[in-house]
Amino acid sequence: MARPRSPAYPNFPLEKALGMISDIFEADRRNIIDRETAAKHVGYSGLSGAADKALATLKHYNLLERSGTGQTRVTQVAMDVIHPDSDEDRKSALLTAGMGPDLFNEIQERFPGSPPSESALTSWLVRENFQNRAIKPIVKSYTETYRYLEREGALDAIRSTSPPCSTKMASRSWLRKLLP
């Protein structure tokens, strides 16, 4: 019997993802490129399991998007972080990227107001049936991303209001209301 897989999640924090997307942008701007080229731009020799995880993480953060079979490109969200029109646009794009992963929205829903402790988050992930090997990267990605968003002032809009109810869809629509 096959073991159940953990739901999709980013494998590293947003700040690292921003460095990677900057490398892709510097090499190819917003041109449509194949995934292997994107993997090479971020330091891999080609497509591999690790490269696929890295590119998937960029997609989770809304920094990279699919553009046809085997093709990808830098998103407008990434552009708004890398080369924003204003500081507010950058903060908004950082919030969009940082809360882009569906799992991060679920965590925000489960622990509204402030981030959970690492032990509380670990316990919740275990109860949600995440594989043990996935828990540590998730905890690190979420907590470091949250801290980065705090340092950059991107969470100010979230702190000034709260979601209207606890459904995932409401959380998404609540986040969309905060962003221009």
C-alpha atoms as a PDB file:
ATOM      1  CA  MET A   1       0.000   0.000   0.000  1.00  0.00           C
ATOM      2  CA  ALA A   2       1.374   3.410  -0.987  1.00  0.00           C
ATOM      3  CA  ARG A   3       1.912   5.965   1.740  1.00  0.00           C
ATOM      4  CA  PRO A   4      -0.229   9.077   1.493  1.00  0.00           C
ATOM      5  CA  ARG A   5       1.572  12.136   0.193  1.00  0.00           C
ATOM      6  CA  SER A   6       1.638  15.430   2.029  1.00  0.00           C
ATOM      7  CA  PRO A   7      -0.267  18.264   0.357  1.00  0.00           C
ATOM      8  CA  ALA A   8       1.869  20.626  -1.730  1.00  0.00           C
ATOM      9  CA  TYR A   9       4.043  23.085   0.158  1.00  0.00           C
ATOM     10  CA  PRO A  10       6.972  25.446  -0.447  1.00  0.00           C
ATOM     11  CA  ASN A  11      10.326  23.839   0.351  1.00  0.00           C
ATOM     12  CA  PHE A  12      12.091  27.002   1.485  1.00  0.00           C
ATOM     13  CA  PRO A  13      11.269  30.513   2.751  1.00  0.00           C
ATOM     14  CA  LEU A  14      10.170  33.434   0.591  1.00  0.00           C
ATOM     15  CA  GLU A  15      13.418  35.364   1.015  1.00  0.00           C
ATOM     16  CA  LYS A  16      15.404  32.540  -0.629  1.00  0.00           C
ATOM     17  CA  ALA A  17      12.763  32.283  -3.369  1.00  0.00           C
ATOM     18  CA  LEU A  18      13.159  36.003  -4.092  1.00  0.00           C
ATOM     19  CA  GLY A  19      16.884  35.501  -4.632  1.00  0.00           C
ATOM     20  CA  MET A  20      16.179  32.699  -7.080  1.00  0.00           C
ATOM     21  CA  ILE A  21      13.536  34.602  -9.026  1.00  0.00           C
ATOM     22  CA  SER A  22      15.919  37.563  -9.236  1.00  0.00           C
ATOM     23  CA  ASP A  23      18.494  35.256 -10.841  1.00  0.00           C
ATOM     24  CA  ILE A  24      15.958  34.081 -13.419  1.00  0.00           C
ATOM     25  CA  PHE A  25      14.864  37.661 -14.112  1.00  0.00           C
ATOM     26  CA  GLU A  26      18.442  38.900 -14.514  1.00  0.00           C
ATOM     27  CA  ALA A  27      19.161  36.182 -17.075  1.00  0.00           C
ATOM     28  CA  ASP A  28      15.930  36.180 -19.094  1.00  0.00           C
ATOM     29  CA  ARG A  29      13.711  39.009 -17.845  1.00  0.00           C
ATOM     30  CA  ARG A  30      10.053  37.980 -18.308  1.00  0.00           C
ATOM     31  CA  ASN A  31      10.675  35.928 -21.419  1.00  0.00           C
ATOM     32  CA  ILE A  32       9.057  32.518 -21.662  1.00  0.00           C
ATOM     33  CA  ILE A  33      11.785  29.942 -21.064  1.00  0.00           C
ATOM     34  CA  ASP A  34      11.874  26.182 -20.648  1.00  0.00           C
ATOM     35  CA  ARG A  35      11.978  24.751 -17.139  1.00  0.00           C
ATOM     36  CA  GLU A  36      15.486  23.356 -17.621  1.00  0.00           C
ATOM     37  CA  THR A  37      16.827  26.833 -18.390  1.00  0.00           C
ATOM     38  CA  ALA A  38      15.058  28.202 -15.311  1.00  0.00           C
ATOM     39  CA  ALA A  39      16.612  25.424 -13.206  1.00  0.00           C
ATOM     40  CA  LYS A  40      20.062  26.296 -14.542  1.00  0.00           C
ATOM     41  CA  HIS A  41      19.539  29.978 -13.727  1.00  0.00           C
ATOM     42  CA  VAL A  42      18.984  29.087 -10.065  1.00  0.00           C
ATOM     43  CA  GLY A  43      22.052  26.882  -9.785  1.00  0.00           C
ATOM     44  CA  TYR A  44      21.017  23.396 -10.885  1.00  0.00           C
ATOM     45  CA  SER A  45      22.745  21.545 -13.725  1.00  0.00           C
ATOM     46  CA  GLY A  46      19.360  20.665 -15.214  1.00  0.00           C
ATOM     47  CA  LEU A  47      16.014  19.256 -14.245  1.00  0.00           C
ATOM     48  CA  SER A  48      16.079  16.915 -11.251  1.00  0.00           C
ATOM     49  CA  GLY A  49      13.931  16.228  -8.232  1.00  0.00           C
ATOM     50  CA  ALA A  50      15.599  19.054  -6.319  1.00  0.00           C
ATOM     51  CA  ALA A  51      15.276  21.467  -9.254  1.00  0.00           C
ATOM     52  CA  ASP A  52      11.609  20.546  -9.663  1.00  0.00           C
ATOM     53  CA  LYS A  53      10.997  21.265  -5.961  1.00  0.00           C
ATOM     54  CA  ALA A  54      12.729  24.644  -6.269  1.00  0.00           C
ATOM     55  CA  LEU A  55      10.689  25.655  -9.326  1.00  0.00           C
ATOM     56  CA  ALA A  56       7.498  24.416  -7.651  1.00  0.00           C
ATOM     57  CA  THR A  57       8.321  26.533  -4.602  1.00  0.00           C
ATOM     58  CA  LEU A  58       8.689  29.616  -6.822  1.00  0.00           C
ATOM     59  CA  LYS A  59       5.276  28.797  -8.260  1.00  0.00           C
ATOM     60  CA  HIS A  60       3.758  28.375  -4.756  1.00  0.00           C
ATOM     61  CA  TYR A  61       4.902  31.917  -3.966  1.00  0.00           C
ATOM     62  CA  ASN A  62       3.374  33.236  -7.220  1.00  0.00           C
ATOM     63  CA  LEU A  63       6.816  34.242  -8.495  1.00  0.00           C
ATOM     64  CA  LEU A  64       6.951  31.859 -11.465  1.00  0.00           C
ATOM     65  CA  GLU A  65       4.086  30.809 -13.710  1.00  0.00           C
ATOM     66  CA  ARG A  66       3.513  28.102 -16.245  1.00  0.00           C
ATOM     67  CA  SER A  67       3.471  29.312 -19.854  1.00  0.00           C
ATOM     68  CA  GLY A  68       2.685  26.219 -21.868  1.00  0.00           C
ATOM     69  CA  THR A  69       4.013  22.696 -21.737  1.00  0.00           C
ATOM     70  CA  GLY A  70       7.437  22.703 -20.112  1.00  0.00           C
ATOM     71  CA  GLN A  71       7.621  26.493 -20.273  1.00  0.00           C
ATOM     72  CA  THR A  72       7.675  29.095 -17.521  1.00  0.00           C
ATOM     73  CA  ARG A  73       8.144  32.802 -16.915  1.00  0.00           C
ATOM     74  CA  VAL A  74       8.564  35.364 -14.147  1.00  0.00           C
ATOM     75  CA  THR A  75       5.205  36.681 -12.864  1.00  0.00           C
ATOM     76  CA  GLN A  76       3.994  40.239 -12.421  1.00  0.00           C
ATOM     77  CA  VAL A  77       4.010  39.643  -8.646  1.00  0.00           C
ATOM     78  CA  ALA A  78       7.751  38.940  -8.856  1.00  0.00           C
ATOM     79  CA  MET A  79       8.229  42.090 -10.917  1.00  0.00           C
ATOM     80  CA  ASP A  80       6.341  44.124  -8.328  1.00  0.00           C
ATOM     81  CA  VAL A  81       8.755  42.858  -5.668  1.00  0.00           C
ATOM     82  CA  ILE A  82      11.954  43.166  -7.707  1.00  0.00           C
ATOM     83  CA  HIS A  83      11.155  46.485  -9.433  1.00  0.00           C
ATOM     84  CA  PRO A  84       8.136  48.052  -7.705  1.00  0.00           C
ATOM     85  CA  ASP A  85       6.520  51.347  -8.635  1.00  0.00           C
ATOM     86  CA  SER A  86       6.339  52.266  -4.953  1.00  0.00           C
ATOM     87  CA  ASP A  87       7.110  50.921  -1.494  1.00  0.00           C
ATOM     88  CA  GLU A  88       3.408  50.145  -1.004  1.00  0.00           C
ATOM     89  CA  ASP A  89       3.325  48.154  -4.261  1.00  0.00           C
ATOM     90  CA  ARG A  90       6.323  46.149  -3.044  1.00  0.00           C
ATOM     91  CA  LYS A  91       4.693  45.433   0.313  1.00  0.00           C
ATOM     92  CA  SER A  92       1.497  44.371  -1.403  1.00  0.00           C
ATOM     93  CA  ALA A  93       3.412  42.077  -3.769  1.00  0.00           C
ATOM     94  CA  LEU A  94       5.404  40.626  -0.856  1.00  0.00           C
ATOM     95  CA  LEU A  95       2.153  39.842   0.960  1.00  0.00           C
ATOM     96  CA  THR A  96       0.712  38.247  -2.182  1.00  0.00           C
ATOM     97  CA  ALA A  97       3.852  36.141  -2.590  1.00  0.00           C
ATOM     98  CA  GLY A  98       4.277  35.267   1.082  1.00  0.00           C
ATOM     99  CA  MET A  99       0.678  34.210   1.545  1.00  0.00           C
ATOM    100  CA  GLY A 100       0.499  32.646  -1.927  1.00  0.00           C
ATOM    101  CA  PRO A 101       0.933  29.049  -0.800  1.00  0.00           C
ATOM    102  CA  ASP A 102      -2.460  27.490  -0.020  1.00  0.00           C
ATOM    103  CA  LEU A 103      -0.960  25.850   3.050  1.00  0.00           C
ATOM    104  CA  PHE A 104       0.166  29.214   4.446  1.00  0.00           C
ATOM    105  CA  ASN A 105      -3.415  30.484   4.127  1.00  0.00           C
ATOM    106  CA  GLU A 106      -4.632  27.417   6.019  1.00  0.00           C
ATOM    107  CA  ILE A 107      -2.078  28.105   8.764  1.00  0.00           C
ATOM    108  CA  GLN A 108      -3.190  31.771   8.959  1.00  0.00           C
ATOM    109  CA  GLU A 109      -6.776  30.557   9.243  1.00  0.00           C
ATOM    110  CA  ARG A 110      -5.983  28.041  11.961  1.00  0.00           C
ATOM    111  CA  PHE A 111      -3.801  30.480  13.932  1.00  0.00           C
ATOM    112  CA  PRO A 112      -5.265  33.947  13.281  1.00  0.00           C
ATOM    113  CA  GLY A 113      -3.647  37.055  14.692  1.00  0.00           C
ATOM    114  CA  SER A 114      -0.117  35.831  15.257  1.00  0.00           C
ATOM    115  CA  PRO A 115       2.046  32.988  14.038  1.00  0.00           C
ATOM    116  CA  PRO A 116       1.960  29.754  16.019  1.00  0.00           C
ATOM    117  CA  SER A 117       4.969  28.475  17.904  1.00  0.00           C
ATOM    118  CA  GLU A 118       7.025  25.908  16.025  1.00  0.00           C
ATOM    119  CA  SER A 119       5.767  23.144  18.335  1.00  0.00           C
ATOM    120  CA  ALA A 120       2.111  24.157  17.862  1.00  0.00           C
ATOM    121  CA  LEU A 121       2.564  24.276  14.092  1.00  0.00           C
ATOM    122  CA  THR A 122       4.349  20.909  14.098  1.00  0.00           C
ATOM    123  CA  SER A 123       1.559  19.359  16.149  1.00  0.00           C
ATOM    124  CA  TRP A 124      -1.107  20.747  13.792  1.00  0.00           C
ATOM    125  CA  LEU A 125       0.761  19.454  10.714  1.00  0.00           C
ATOM    126  CA  VAL A 126       0.974  15.984  12.266  1.00  0.00           C
ATOM    127  CA  ARG A 127      -2.783  16.032  12.935  1.00  0.00           C
ATOM    128  CA  GLU A 128      -3.317  17.141   9.306  1.00  0.00           C
ATOM    129  CA  ASN A 129      -1.469  13.977   8.155  1.00  0.00           C
ATOM    130  CA  PHE A 130       1.664  15.571   6.762  1.00  0.00           C
ATOM    131  CA  GLN A 131       4.578  13.183   6.339  1.00  0.00           C
ATOM    132  CA  ASN A 132       7.339  13.564   8.935  1.00  0.00           C
ATOM    133  CA  ARG A 133       9.894  14.494   6.253  1.00  0.00           C
ATOM    134  CA  ALA A 134       7.685  17.407   5.136  1.00  0.00           C
ATOM    135  CA  ILE A 135       7.056  18.939   8.544  1.00  0.00           C
ATOM    136  CA  LYS A 136      10.460  20.511   9.221  1.00  0.00           C
ATOM    137  CA  PRO A 137      10.687  22.260   5.795  1.00  0.00           C
ATOM    138  CA  ILE A 138       7.117  23.525   6.171  1.00  0.00           C
ATOM    139  CA  VAL A 139       7.715  24.915   9.657  1.00  0.00           C
ATOM    140  CA  LYS A 140      10.934  26.600   8.533  1.00  0.00           C
ATOM    141  CA  SER A 141       9.386  27.998   5.341  1.00  0.00           C
ATOM    142  CA  TYR A 142       6.341  29.374   7.113  1.00  0.00           C
ATOM    143  CA  THR A 143       8.068  30.866  10.157  1.00  0.00           C
ATOM    144  CA  GLU A 144      10.925  32.438   8.194  1.00  0.00           C
ATOM    145  CA  THR A 145       8.535  33.795   5.565  1.00  0.00           C
ATOM    146  CA  TYR A 146       6.305  35.274   8.259  1.00  0.00           C
ATOM    147  CA  ARG A 147       9.312  36.918   9.961  1.00  0.00           C
ATOM    148  CA  TYR A 148      10.517  38.285   6.613  1.00  0.00           C
ATOM    149  CA  LEU A 149       7.075  39.773   5.879  1.00  0.00           C
ATOM    150  CA  GLU A 150       7.115  41.348   9.347  1.00  0.00           C
ATOM    151  CA  ARG A 151      10.566  42.888   8.808  1.00  0.00           C
ATOM    152  CA  GLU A 152       9.499  44.274   5.439  1.00  0.00           C
ATOM    153  CA  GLY A 153       6.274  45.771   6.867  1.00  0.00           C
ATOM    154  CA  ALA A 154       4.087  43.695   4.548  1.00  0.00           C
ATOM    155  CA  LEU A 155       1.898  42.345   7.365  1.00  0.00           C
ATOM    156  CA  ASP A 156       0.635  45.748   8.500  1.00  0.00           C
ATOM    157  CA  ALA A 157      -2.600  45.386   6.489  1.00  0.00           C
ATOM    158  CA  ILE A 158      -3.315  41.956   8.015  1.00  0.00           C
ATOM    159  CA  ARG A 159      -2.829  43.239  11.549  1.00  0.00           C
ATOM    160  CA  SER A 160      -5.265  46.100  11.064  1.00  0.00           C
ATOM    161  CA  THR A 161      -8.146  43.770  10.189  1.00  0.00           C
ATOM    162  CA  SER A 162      -9.150  40.142  10.532  1.00  0.00           C
ATOM    163  CA  PRO A 163     -10.826  37.668   8.214  1.00  0.00           C
ATOM    164  CA  PRO A 164     -14.633  37.717   8.259  1.00  0.00           C
ATOM    165  CA  CYS A 165     -14.938  33.970   8.842  1.00  0.00           C
ATOM    166  CA  SER A 166     -12.810  30.864   8.965  1.00  0.00           C
ATOM    167  CA  THR A 167     -13.328  29.243   5.577  1.00  0.00           C
ATOM    168  CA  LYS A 168     -10.425  28.921   3.184  1.00  0.00           C
ATOM    169  CA  MET A 169     -12.326  30.714   0.445  1.00  0.00           C
ATOM    170  CA  ALA A 170     -13.200  33.571   2.767  1.00  0.00           C
ATOM    171  CA  SER A 171      -9.558  33.813   3.795  1.00  0.00           C
ATOM    172  CA  ARG A 172      -8.550  34.088   0.133  1.00  0.00           C
ATOM    173  CA  SER A 173     -11.215  36.711  -0.578  1.00  0.00           C
ATOM    174  CA  TRP A 174     -10.222  38.559   2.605  1.00  0.00           C
ATOM    175  CA  LEU A 175      -6.609  38.635   1.410  1.00  0.00           C
ATOM    176  CA  ARG A 176      -7.710  39.856  -2.034  1.00  0.00           C
ATOM    177  CA  LYS A 177      -9.642  42.708  -0.368  1.00  0.00           C
ATOM    178  CA  LEU A 178      -6.448  43.827   1.365  1.00  0.00           C
ATOM    179  CA  LEU A 179      -4.499  43.982  -1.852  1.00  0.00           C
ATOM    180  CA  PRO A 180      -5.055  46.584  -4.559  1.00  0.00           C
END
